Amino acid sequence: MNAIEFQTVAHDGVLDIPPEHRRLLNGKMVRVVLVNAKPQAADTEQTIFARLRCVKIQGPSDLSTNHDA
């Protein structure tokens, strides 16, 4: 999985992709994870990816198939 991290302001349901990433992502299906960019007091030292590793989720271990079908 290739991942990029950037901050942008959402406006009217639209997120602007920074110009340096547009060519790479243009026309591709992407997965989007939205996190409020205002850090909590304990989050100021960590990147978003470090914080996401702490999130606990439930679901199948293999997400490569369509489990809703």
N, C-alpha and C. Protein backbone atom coordinates (compact mmCIF):
# COMPACT_ATOMS: atom_id res chain seq x y z
N MET A 1 0.85 -1.18 0.00
CA MET A 1 0.00 0.00 0.00
C MET A 1 0.89 1.23 0.00
N ASN A 2 0.64 2.12 -0.90
CA ASN A 2 1.30 3.42 -0.90
C ASN A 2 0.38 4.40 -0.20
N ALA A 3 0.95 5.20 0.66
CA ALA A 3 0.15 6.16 1.41
C ALA A 3 0.84 7.52 1.37
N ILE A 4 0.03 8.56 1.30
CA ILE A 4 0.53 9.92 1.43
C ILE A 4 -0.28 10.60 2.51
N GLU A 5 0.31 11.58 3.13
CA GLU A 5 -0.38 12.34 4.17
C GLU A 5 -0.25 13.81 3.83
N PHE A 6 -1.37 14.50 3.87
CA PHE A 6 -1.35 15.95 3.68
C PHE A 6 -2.53 16.54 4.42
N GLN A 7 -2.47 17.82 4.64
CA GLN A 7 -3.58 18.52 5.28
C GLN A 7 -4.24 19.42 4.25
N THR A 8 -5.55 19.49 4.33
CA THR A 8 -6.32 20.35 3.44
C THR A 8 -7.58 20.77 4.18
N VAL A 9 -8.25 21.76 3.65
CA VAL A 9 -9.49 22.24 4.25
C VAL A 9 -10.65 21.72 3.41
N ALA A 10 -11.60 21.07 4.07
CA ALA A 10 -12.80 20.59 3.38
C ALA A 10 -13.74 21.77 3.17
N HIS A 11 -14.28 21.87 1.96
CA HIS A 11 -15.25 22.93 1.67
C HIS A 11 -16.33 22.38 0.75
N ASP A 12 -17.57 22.48 1.21
CA ASP A 12 -18.73 22.00 0.46
C ASP A 12 -18.58 20.55 0.04
N GLY A 13 -17.99 19.71 0.89
CA GLY A 13 -17.83 18.30 0.59
C GLY A 13 -16.67 17.98 -0.34
N VAL A 14 -15.81 18.94 -0.61
CA VAL A 14 -14.70 18.74 -1.53
C VAL A 14 -13.38 18.87 -0.77
N LEU A 15 -12.46 17.95 -1.07
CA LEU A 15 -11.12 18.01 -0.53
C LEU A 15 -10.16 18.27 -1.68
N ASP A 16 -9.35 19.30 -1.58
CA ASP A 16 -8.37 19.59 -2.62
C ASP A 16 -7.11 18.77 -2.40
N ILE A 17 -6.70 18.02 -3.42
CA ILE A 17 -5.46 17.27 -3.37
C ILE A 17 -4.34 18.23 -3.76
N PRO A 18 -3.26 18.30 -2.98
CA PRO A 18 -2.16 19.21 -3.31
C PRO A 18 -1.60 18.90 -4.70
N PRO A 19 -1.16 19.94 -5.40
CA PRO A 19 -0.68 19.77 -6.78
C PRO A 19 0.41 18.71 -6.93
N GLU A 20 1.28 18.57 -5.94
CA GLU A 20 2.37 17.59 -6.07
C GLU A 20 1.88 16.14 -6.04
N HIS A 21 0.63 15.90 -5.65
CA HIS A 21 0.09 14.54 -5.60
C HIS A 21 -0.98 14.30 -6.67
N ARG A 22 -1.43 15.31 -7.35
CA ARG A 22 -2.54 15.17 -8.30
C ARG A 22 -2.23 14.22 -9.44
N ARG A 23 -1.05 14.33 -10.05
CA ARG A 23 -0.72 13.49 -11.20
C ARG A 23 -0.68 12.01 -10.79
N LEU A 24 -0.14 11.73 -9.60
CA LEU A 24 -0.05 10.37 -9.11
C LEU A 24 -1.43 9.76 -8.88
N LEU A 25 -2.39 10.55 -8.40
CA LEU A 25 -3.70 10.04 -8.01
C LEU A 25 -4.79 10.23 -9.05
N ASN A 26 -4.54 11.01 -10.08
CA ASN A 26 -5.57 11.33 -11.06
C ASN A 26 -6.12 10.07 -11.72
N GLY A 27 -7.43 9.88 -11.63
CA GLY A 27 -8.10 8.75 -12.26
C GLY A 27 -8.02 7.45 -11.48
N LYS A 28 -7.39 7.46 -10.31
CA LYS A 28 -7.23 6.24 -9.52
C LYS A 28 -8.28 6.17 -8.42
N MET A 29 -8.69 4.96 -8.09
CA MET A 29 -9.55 4.73 -6.94
C MET A 29 -8.68 4.89 -5.71
N VAL A 30 -9.12 5.69 -4.76
CA VAL A 30 -8.35 5.91 -3.54
C VAL A 30 -9.21 5.61 -2.32
N ARG A 31 -8.56 5.27 -1.25
CA ARG A 31 -9.22 5.09 0.05
C ARG A 31 -8.89 6.32 0.87
N VAL A 32 -9.91 6.90 1.48
CA VAL A 32 -9.73 8.15 2.22
C VAL A 32 -10.07 7.92 3.68
N VAL A 33 -9.18 8.37 4.56
CA VAL A 33 -9.42 8.35 6.00
C VAL A 33 -9.35 9.80 6.45
N LEU A 34 -10.43 10.29 7.05
CA LEU A 34 -10.46 11.67 7.50
C LEU A 34 -10.25 11.74 9.00
N VAL A 35 -9.34 12.57 9.41
CA VAL A 35 -9.04 12.77 10.83
C VAL A 35 -8.99 14.27 11.06
N ASN A 36 -9.64 14.71 12.12
CA ASN A 36 -9.60 16.13 12.47
C ASN A 36 -8.14 16.53 12.67
N ALA A 37 -7.69 17.55 11.97
CA ALA A 37 -6.28 17.94 12.02
C ALA A 37 -5.90 18.69 13.28
N LYS A 38 -6.87 19.13 14.05
CA LYS A 38 -6.53 19.79 15.31
C LYS A 38 -6.10 18.72 16.30
N PRO A 39 -4.83 18.69 16.65
CA PRO A 39 -4.35 17.61 17.52
C PRO A 39 -4.85 17.77 18.95
N GLN A 40 -5.04 16.63 19.59
CA GLN A 40 -5.30 16.62 21.02
C GLN A 40 -3.97 16.87 21.71
N ALA A 41 -3.98 17.21 22.96
CA ALA A 41 -2.76 17.54 23.68
C ALA A 41 -1.72 16.42 23.59
N ALA A 42 -2.14 15.16 23.67
CA ALA A 42 -1.19 14.05 23.65
C ALA A 42 -0.74 13.68 22.24
N ASP A 43 -1.40 14.19 21.20
CA ASP A 43 -1.12 13.81 19.82
C ASP A 43 -0.07 14.68 19.13
N THR A 44 0.39 15.72 19.74
CA THR A 44 1.23 16.69 19.04
C THR A 44 2.57 16.13 18.60
N GLU A 45 3.03 15.04 19.20
CA GLU A 45 4.33 14.47 18.86
C GLU A 45 4.24 13.38 17.80
N GLN A 46 3.02 12.97 17.41
CA GLN A 46 2.85 11.82 16.52
C GLN A 46 2.28 12.22 15.17
N THR A 47 2.65 11.45 14.15
CA THR A 47 2.05 11.63 12.83
C THR A 47 0.68 10.98 12.83
N ILE A 48 -0.10 11.25 11.80
CA ILE A 48 -1.43 10.65 11.68
C ILE A 48 -1.33 9.13 11.59
N PHE A 49 -0.30 8.61 10.91
CA PHE A 49 -0.16 7.17 10.77
C PHE A 49 0.15 6.52 12.12
N ALA A 50 0.95 7.16 12.95
CA ALA A 50 1.22 6.64 14.29
C ALA A 50 -0.07 6.63 15.11
N ARG A 51 -0.88 7.67 14.99
CA ARG A 51 -2.14 7.71 15.73
C ARG A 51 -3.12 6.66 15.21
N LEU A 52 -3.15 6.43 13.88
CA LEU A 52 -4.07 5.45 13.31
C LEU A 52 -3.71 4.03 13.74
N ARG A 53 -2.43 3.75 13.98
CA ARG A 53 -2.04 2.42 14.44
C ARG A 53 -2.64 2.11 15.81
N CYS A 54 -3.01 3.11 16.55
CA CYS A 54 -3.60 2.92 17.88
C CYS A 54 -5.11 2.67 17.82
N VAL A 55 -5.74 2.89 16.68
CA VAL A 55 -7.19 2.72 16.55
C VAL A 55 -7.52 1.24 16.52
N LYS A 56 -8.46 0.84 17.33
CA LYS A 56 -8.91 -0.56 17.40
C LYS A 56 -10.18 -0.70 16.58
N ILE A 57 -10.20 -1.67 15.66
CA ILE A 57 -11.38 -1.90 14.84
C ILE A 57 -11.75 -3.37 14.90
N GLN A 58 -12.99 -3.67 14.54
CA GLN A 58 -13.44 -5.05 14.45
C GLN A 58 -13.82 -5.33 13.01
N GLY A 59 -13.56 -6.52 12.59
CA GLY A 59 -13.92 -6.91 11.24
C GLY A 59 -13.08 -8.09 10.81
N PRO A 60 -13.29 -8.56 9.59
CA PRO A 60 -12.54 -9.71 9.10
C PRO A 60 -11.06 -9.34 8.95
N SER A 61 -10.18 -10.31 9.19
CA SER A 61 -8.75 -10.04 9.05
C SER A 61 -8.35 -9.89 7.59
N ASP A 62 -9.10 -10.50 6.68
CA ASP A 62 -8.80 -10.42 5.25
C ASP A 62 -9.82 -9.51 4.59
N LEU A 63 -9.42 -8.29 4.25
CA LEU A 63 -10.33 -7.33 3.62
C LEU A 63 -10.19 -7.31 2.11
N SER A 64 -9.53 -8.32 1.54
CA SER A 64 -9.29 -8.32 0.09
C SER A 64 -10.48 -8.80 -0.70
N THR A 65 -11.52 -9.28 -0.04
CA THR A 65 -12.72 -9.73 -0.75
C THR A 65 -13.91 -8.90 -0.28
N ASN A 66 -14.98 -8.96 -1.03
CA ASN A 66 -16.18 -8.21 -0.70
C ASN A 66 -17.00 -9.02 0.30
N HIS A 67 -16.91 -8.68 1.58
CA HIS A 67 -17.59 -9.43 2.62
C HIS A 67 -19.06 -9.05 2.76
N ASP A 68 -19.49 -7.99 2.09
CA ASP A 68 -20.89 -7.56 2.18
C ASP A 68 -21.77 -8.24 1.15
N ALA A 69 -21.17 -8.91 0.20
CA ALA A 69 -21.94 -9.51 -0.90
C ALA A 69 -22.74 -10.70 -0.46
